[in-house]
């Protein structure tokens, strides 16, 4: 399968409801939520023993990207937080003398055959001892400066896995009747459904 072919939008909608109970609050109805068929299917699907990928090929994606770009990828997947994806990252400006970090992110969903490749920027302010802003996507860098790098990463993914590119333009779109952990009904997005609770990095 061509990894640059996007997964079908209608299919995405139906898939979300397989993993999260509809109209059940993960905060106010925690017991009911955890007892639901959907939540237990999610937990089962996140177990590496039930991976939808050939694990050797998955590791090959990791190692091939490292070799191709001569970088050290960090695995920032938070399994204990029930991340719905493999969250791999590497610095694009490692040698730059700047507090602003530019981070390439590869998110491969654990529960559907879909992936994201995007760029985060983050800046730590030593004077105040914290981040100036939360990690955020830089779409200008994605579409201009690092467009070719992203394309090459996608080629590597497509050569090793049967997977599709997730449509980036719907990531922040809300699925109004679902929730997860501390994400309330009405605030749950497609990013939350298939990948992460929020954009994050430990590169600071």
C-alpha atoms as a PDB file:
ATOM      1  CA  UNK A   1       0.000   0.000   0.000  1.00  0.00           C
ATOM      2  CA  UNK A   2       1.184   3.522  -0.764  1.00  0.00           C
ATOM      3  CA  UNK A   3       1.682   5.185   2.615  1.00  0.00           C
ATOM      4  CA  UNK A   4       0.972   8.559   1.033  1.00  0.00           C
ATOM      5  CA  UNK A   5      -2.557   7.450   0.252  1.00  0.00           C
ATOM      6  CA  UNK A   6      -4.809   8.845   2.947  1.00  0.00           C
ATOM      7  CA  UNK A   7      -7.076   6.603   4.983  1.00  0.00           C
ATOM      8  CA  UNK A   8     -10.782   6.979   4.114  1.00  0.00           C
ATOM      9  CA  UNK A   9     -12.590   9.602   6.218  1.00  0.00           C
ATOM     10  CA  UNK A  10     -15.799   7.574   6.554  1.00  0.00           C
ATOM     11  CA  UNK A  11     -13.776   4.627   7.789  1.00  0.00           C
ATOM     12  CA  UNK A  12     -12.064   6.818  10.388  1.00  0.00           C
ATOM     13  CA  UNK A  13     -15.387   7.831  11.926  1.00  0.00           C
ATOM     14  CA  UNK A  14     -16.573   4.269  12.385  1.00  0.00           C
ATOM     15  CA  UNK A  15     -13.198   3.119  13.730  1.00  0.00           C
ATOM     16  CA  UNK A  16     -13.165   5.676  16.549  1.00  0.00           C
ATOM     17  CA  UNK A  17     -16.313   4.180  18.056  1.00  0.00           C
ATOM     18  CA  UNK A  18     -14.712   0.752  18.236  1.00  0.00           C
ATOM     19  CA  UNK A  19     -12.252   1.943  20.897  1.00  0.00           C
ATOM     20  CA  UNK A  20     -14.156   4.527  22.954  1.00  0.00           C
ATOM     21  CA  UNK A  21     -17.650   4.204  24.488  1.00  0.00           C
ATOM     22  CA  UNK A  22     -20.153   6.679  23.099  1.00  0.00           C
ATOM     23  CA  UNK A  23     -21.619   9.258  25.485  1.00  0.00           C
ATOM     24  CA  UNK A  24     -19.825   7.831  28.538  1.00  0.00           C
ATOM     25  CA  UNK A  25     -17.667  10.279  30.498  1.00  0.00           C
ATOM     26  CA  UNK A  26     -14.215   8.949  31.334  1.00  0.00           C
ATOM     27  CA  UNK A  27     -14.190  11.401  34.262  1.00  0.00           C
ATOM     28  CA  UNK A  28     -17.692  11.317  35.745  1.00  0.00           C
ATOM     29  CA  UNK A  29     -18.541   7.692  34.834  1.00  0.00           C
ATOM     30  CA  UNK A  30     -15.129   6.145  35.271  1.00  0.00           C
ATOM     31  CA  UNK A  31     -16.269   2.668  36.365  1.00  0.00           C
ATOM     32  CA  UNK A  32     -18.795   2.382  33.536  1.00  0.00           C
ATOM     33  CA  UNK A  33     -16.170   3.640  31.091  1.00  0.00           C
ATOM     34  CA  UNK A  34     -13.558   1.098  32.189  1.00  0.00           C
ATOM     35  CA  UNK A  35     -16.080  -1.736  32.054  1.00  0.00           C
ATOM     36  CA  UNK A  36     -17.137  -0.909  28.501  1.00  0.00           C
ATOM     37  CA  UNK A  37     -16.491  -3.252  25.591  1.00  0.00           C
ATOM     38  CA  UNK A  38     -14.851  -0.436  23.652  1.00  0.00           C
ATOM     39  CA  UNK A  39     -12.346   0.535  26.343  1.00  0.00           C
ATOM     40  CA  UNK A  40     -11.327  -3.060  26.937  1.00  0.00           C
ATOM     41  CA  UNK A  41     -10.866  -3.536  23.200  1.00  0.00           C
ATOM     42  CA  UNK A  42      -8.589  -0.477  23.222  1.00  0.00           C
ATOM     43  CA  UNK A  43      -6.481  -1.906  26.052  1.00  0.00           C
ATOM     44  CA  UNK A  44      -6.198  -5.237  24.259  1.00  0.00           C
ATOM     45  CA  UNK A  45      -5.229  -3.514  21.009  1.00  0.00           C
ATOM     46  CA  UNK A  46      -2.447  -1.550  22.707  1.00  0.00           C
ATOM     47  CA  UNK A  47      -0.759  -4.733  23.917  1.00  0.00           C
ATOM     48  CA  UNK A  48       2.357  -5.366  21.824  1.00  0.00           C
ATOM     49  CA  UNK A  49       1.362  -9.037  21.536  1.00  0.00           C
ATOM     50  CA  UNK A  50      -1.616  -7.881  19.479  1.00  0.00           C
ATOM     51  CA  UNK A  51       0.301  -5.457  17.263  1.00  0.00           C
ATOM     52  CA  UNK A  52      -1.224  -4.804  13.847  1.00  0.00           C
ATOM     53  CA  UNK A  53       2.305  -4.602  12.425  1.00  0.00           C
ATOM     54  CA  UNK A  54       5.158  -7.006  11.905  1.00  0.00           C
ATOM     55  CA  UNK A  55       7.350  -5.892  14.814  1.00  0.00           C
ATOM     56  CA  UNK A  56      10.564  -6.541  12.902  1.00  0.00           C
ATOM     57  CA  UNK A  57       9.403  -4.273  10.086  1.00  0.00           C
ATOM     58  CA  UNK A  58       8.363  -1.669  12.613  1.00  0.00           C
ATOM     59  CA  UNK A  59      11.874  -1.714  14.081  1.00  0.00           C
ATOM     60  CA  UNK A  60      13.245  -1.444  10.551  1.00  0.00           C
ATOM     61  CA  UNK A  61      11.372   1.817  10.023  1.00  0.00           C
ATOM     62  CA  UNK A  62      13.037   3.162  13.160  1.00  0.00           C
ATOM     63  CA  UNK A  63      16.550   2.040  12.194  1.00  0.00           C
ATOM     64  CA  UNK A  64      16.245   3.008   8.513  1.00  0.00           C
ATOM     65  CA  UNK A  65      15.251   6.573   9.377  1.00  0.00           C
ATOM     66  CA  UNK A  66      18.199   6.796  11.773  1.00  0.00           C
ATOM     67  CA  UNK A  67      20.625   5.547   9.136  1.00  0.00           C
ATOM     68  CA  UNK A  68      19.210   7.592   6.266  1.00  0.00           C
ATOM     69  CA  UNK A  69      19.354  10.911   8.091  1.00  0.00           C
ATOM     70  CA  UNK A  70      22.255  10.118  10.432  1.00  0.00           C
ATOM     71  CA  UNK A  71      20.193  10.954  13.503  1.00  0.00           C
ATOM     72  CA  UNK A  72      19.460   9.471  16.896  1.00  0.00           C
ATOM     73  CA  UNK A  73      15.749   8.786  17.255  1.00  0.00           C
ATOM     74  CA  UNK A  74      14.276   8.938  20.744  1.00  0.00           C
ATOM     75  CA  UNK A  75      11.316   6.741  21.597  1.00  0.00           C
ATOM     76  CA  UNK A  76       9.006   9.015  23.574  1.00  0.00           C
ATOM     77  CA  UNK A  77       6.044   6.635  23.581  1.00  0.00           C
ATOM     78  CA  UNK A  78       4.263   6.786  26.940  1.00  0.00           C
ATOM     79  CA  UNK A  79       2.829   3.297  27.191  1.00  0.00           C
ATOM     80  CA  UNK A  80       1.859   3.815  30.831  1.00  0.00           C
ATOM     81  CA  UNK A  81      -0.302   6.738  29.690  1.00  0.00           C
ATOM     82  CA  UNK A  82      -1.884   4.495  27.047  1.00  0.00           C
ATOM     83  CA  UNK A  83      -0.473   6.391  24.074  1.00  0.00           C
ATOM     84  CA  UNK A  84      -2.285   5.145  20.980  1.00  0.00           C
ATOM     85  CA  UNK A  85       0.834   5.444  18.844  1.00  0.00           C
ATOM     86  CA  UNK A  86       4.544   4.826  18.667  1.00  0.00           C
ATOM     87  CA  UNK A  87       5.930   8.323  19.244  1.00  0.00           C
ATOM     88  CA  UNK A  88       9.416   8.631  17.728  1.00  0.00           C
ATOM     89  CA  UNK A  89      11.278  11.931  17.552  1.00  0.00           C
ATOM     90  CA  UNK A  90      14.600  13.423  16.528  1.00  0.00           C
ATOM     91  CA  UNK A  91      16.078  16.917  16.594  1.00  0.00           C
ATOM     92  CA  UNK A  92      16.402  18.769  13.312  1.00  0.00           C
ATOM     93  CA  UNK A  93      18.547  21.595  14.701  1.00  0.00           C
ATOM     94  CA  UNK A  94      20.669  19.631  17.163  1.00  0.00           C
ATOM     95  CA  UNK A  95      23.815  21.678  16.556  1.00  0.00           C
ATOM     96  CA  UNK A  96      22.170  25.079  16.438  1.00  0.00           C
ATOM     97  CA  UNK A  97      23.035  27.506  19.246  1.00  0.00           C
ATOM     98  CA  UNK A  98      19.456  28.371  20.135  1.00  0.00           C
ATOM     99  CA  UNK A  99      16.966  27.552  22.905  1.00  0.00           C
ATOM    100  CA  UNK A 100      14.338  26.914  20.220  1.00  0.00           C
ATOM    101  CA  UNK A 101      14.190  23.222  19.357  1.00  0.00           C
ATOM    102  CA  UNK A 102      12.843  21.914  16.055  1.00  0.00           C
ATOM    103  CA  UNK A 103      11.665  18.318  16.408  1.00  0.00           C
ATOM    104  CA  UNK A 104      10.686  15.823  13.707  1.00  0.00           C
ATOM    105  CA  UNK A 105       7.935  13.511  14.954  1.00  0.00           C
ATOM    106  CA  UNK A 106       6.889  10.121  13.587  1.00  0.00           C
ATOM    107  CA  UNK A 107       3.651   8.844  15.087  1.00  0.00           C
ATOM    108  CA  UNK A 108       2.584   5.370  13.996  1.00  0.00           C
ATOM    109  CA  UNK A 109      -0.840   4.472  15.374  1.00  0.00           C
ATOM    110  CA  UNK A 110      -1.021   1.261  17.387  1.00  0.00           C
ATOM    111  CA  UNK A 111      -4.733   0.752  16.786  1.00  0.00           C
ATOM    112  CA  UNK A 112      -5.282   1.578  13.107  1.00  0.00           C
ATOM    113  CA  UNK A 113      -2.853   1.296  10.157  1.00  0.00           C
ATOM    114  CA  UNK A 114      -2.172   5.026   9.926  1.00  0.00           C
ATOM    115  CA  UNK A 115       0.676   7.420  10.644  1.00  0.00           C
ATOM    116  CA  UNK A 116       1.605  11.083  11.074  1.00  0.00           C
ATOM    117  CA  UNK A 117       4.857  12.864  10.257  1.00  0.00           C
ATOM    118  CA  UNK A 118       5.042  16.443  11.524  1.00  0.00           C
ATOM    119  CA  UNK A 119       7.307  19.041  13.110  1.00  0.00           C
ATOM    120  CA  UNK A 120       7.076  20.484  16.610  1.00  0.00           C
ATOM    121  CA  UNK A 121       8.814  23.563  17.896  1.00  0.00           C
ATOM    122  CA  UNK A 122       9.471  24.194  21.566  1.00  0.00           C
ATOM    123  CA  UNK A 123      11.478  26.762  23.497  1.00  0.00           C
ATOM    124  CA  UNK A 124      12.669  26.668  27.101  1.00  0.00           C
ATOM    125  CA  UNK A 125      13.094  29.974  28.920  1.00  0.00           C
ATOM    126  CA  UNK A 126      15.910  29.608  31.457  1.00  0.00           C
ATOM    127  CA  UNK A 127      14.981  32.873  33.179  1.00  0.00           C
ATOM    128  CA  UNK A 128      11.535  31.646  34.185  1.00  0.00           C
ATOM    129  CA  UNK A 129      12.508  27.966  34.342  1.00  0.00           C
ATOM    130  CA  UNK A 130       9.788  26.668  32.052  1.00  0.00           C
ATOM    131  CA  UNK A 131       8.652  26.461  28.458  1.00  0.00           C
ATOM    132  CA  UNK A 132       7.708  29.703  26.749  1.00  0.00           C
ATOM    133  CA  UNK A 133       4.802  27.869  25.124  1.00  0.00           C
ATOM    134  CA  UNK A 134       3.457  24.347  24.829  1.00  0.00           C
ATOM    135  CA  UNK A 135       4.960  22.190  22.050  1.00  0.00           C
ATOM    136  CA  UNK A 136       3.261  23.258  18.818  1.00  0.00           C
ATOM    137  CA  UNK A 137       3.271  22.215  15.199  1.00  0.00           C
ATOM    138  CA  UNK A 138       5.103  24.361  12.681  1.00  0.00           C
ATOM    139  CA  UNK A 139       3.268  23.806   9.413  1.00  0.00           C
ATOM    140  CA  UNK A 140       5.464  26.281   7.533  1.00  0.00           C
ATOM    141  CA  UNK A 141       8.531  24.140   8.222  1.00  0.00           C
ATOM    142  CA  UNK A 142       6.551  21.014   7.300  1.00  0.00           C
ATOM    143  CA  UNK A 143       5.473  22.330   3.914  1.00  0.00           C
ATOM    144  CA  UNK A 144       8.559  24.358   2.980  1.00  0.00           C
ATOM    145  CA  UNK A 145      11.923  23.821   4.665  1.00  0.00           C
ATOM    146  CA  UNK A 146      11.565  20.136   5.576  1.00  0.00           C
ATOM    147  CA  UNK A 147       9.059  19.046   2.944  1.00  0.00           C
ATOM    148  CA  UNK A 148      11.592  16.755   1.230  1.00  0.00           C
ATOM    149  CA  UNK A 149      12.705  15.179   4.509  1.00  0.00           C
ATOM    150  CA  UNK A 150       9.100  14.377   5.398  1.00  0.00           C
ATOM    151  CA  UNK A 151       8.551  12.909   1.931  1.00  0.00           C
ATOM    152  CA  UNK A 152      11.590  10.658   2.320  1.00  0.00           C
ATOM    153  CA  UNK A 153      10.390   9.470   5.728  1.00  0.00           C
ATOM    154  CA  UNK A 154       7.017   8.636   4.202  1.00  0.00           C
ATOM    155  CA  UNK A 155       8.771   6.655   1.468  1.00  0.00           C
ATOM    156  CA  UNK A 156      10.567   4.616   4.125  1.00  0.00           C
ATOM    157  CA  UNK A 157       7.309   3.935   5.936  1.00  0.00           C
ATOM    158  CA  UNK A 158       5.540   2.897   2.725  1.00  0.00           C
ATOM    159  CA  UNK A 159       8.326   0.508   1.792  1.00  0.00           C
ATOM    160  CA  UNK A 160       8.129  -1.378   5.083  1.00  0.00           C
ATOM    161  CA  UNK A 161       4.560  -1.198   6.396  1.00  0.00           C
ATOM    162  CA  UNK A 162       1.041  -1.620   5.068  1.00  0.00           C
ATOM    163  CA  UNK A 163      -0.252   1.694   6.294  1.00  0.00           C
ATOM    164  CA  UNK A 164      -1.858   4.983   5.191  1.00  0.00           C
ATOM    165  CA  UNK A 165      -1.192   8.619   5.925  1.00  0.00           C
ATOM    166  CA  UNK A 166      -3.714  10.068   8.367  1.00  0.00           C
ATOM    167  CA  UNK A 167      -5.391  13.274   7.104  1.00  0.00           C
ATOM    168  CA  UNK A 168      -3.642  16.056   9.016  1.00  0.00           C
ATOM    169  CA  UNK A 169      -6.418  18.578   8.450  1.00  0.00           C
ATOM    170  CA  UNK A 170      -8.855  16.757  10.740  1.00  0.00           C
ATOM    171  CA  UNK A 171      -6.505  16.154  13.692  1.00  0.00           C
ATOM    172  CA  UNK A 172      -7.987  18.973  15.776  1.00  0.00           C
ATOM    173  CA  UNK A 173     -11.580  18.196  14.734  1.00  0.00           C
ATOM    174  CA  UNK A 174     -13.673  17.144  17.713  1.00  0.00           C
ATOM    175  CA  UNK A 175     -15.659  13.930  18.043  1.00  0.00           C
ATOM    176  CA  UNK A 176     -18.331  15.362  20.288  1.00  0.00           C
ATOM    177  CA  UNK A 177     -19.636  12.213  22.027  1.00  0.00           C
ATOM    178  CA  UNK A 178     -16.351  10.548  23.031  1.00  0.00           C
ATOM    179  CA  UNK A 179     -13.889  11.062  25.903  1.00  0.00           C
ATOM    180  CA  UNK A 180     -10.659   9.569  27.260  1.00  0.00           C
ATOM    181  CA  UNK A 181      -8.773   9.930  30.548  1.00  0.00           C
ATOM    182  CA  UNK A 182      -8.897  13.664  31.409  1.00  0.00           C
ATOM    183  CA  UNK A 183     -10.198  14.680  27.974  1.00  0.00           C
ATOM    184  CA  UNK A 184     -13.840  15.622  28.471  1.00  0.00           C
ATOM    185  CA  UNK A 185     -16.771  14.873  26.194  1.00  0.00           C
ATOM    186  CA  UNK A 186     -16.847  17.729  23.700  1.00  0.00           C
ATOM    187  CA  UNK A 187     -13.055  18.173  23.715  1.00  0.00           C
ATOM    188  CA  UNK A 188     -11.956  14.813  22.271  1.00  0.00           C
ATOM    189  CA  UNK A 189     -10.257  15.036  18.855  1.00  0.00           C
ATOM    190  CA  UNK A 190      -9.045  12.680  16.124  1.00  0.00           C
ATOM    191  CA  UNK A 191      -5.509  13.210  17.419  1.00  0.00           C
ATOM    192  CA  UNK A 192      -6.734  11.891  20.774  1.00  0.00           C
ATOM    193  CA  UNK A 193      -8.588   8.978  19.208  1.00  0.00           C
ATOM    194  CA  UNK A 194      -5.736   7.418  17.278  1.00  0.00           C
ATOM    195  CA  UNK A 195      -2.481   8.951  18.489  1.00  0.00           C
ATOM    196  CA  UNK A 196      -1.870  11.122  21.572  1.00  0.00           C
ATOM    197  CA  UNK A 197      -3.549  13.119  24.321  1.00  0.00           C
ATOM    198  CA  UNK A 198      -1.587  16.158  23.117  1.00  0.00           C
ATOM    199  CA  UNK A 199       1.530  17.110  21.178  1.00  0.00           C
ATOM    200  CA  UNK A 200       4.519  16.542  23.428  1.00  0.00           C
ATOM    201  CA  UNK A 201       8.294  16.208  23.431  1.00  0.00           C
ATOM    202  CA  UNK A 202      11.096  15.806  25.947  1.00  0.00           C
ATOM    203  CA  UNK A 203      13.474  17.831  23.790  1.00  0.00           C
ATOM    204  CA  UNK A 204      13.791  21.069  25.777  1.00  0.00           C
END
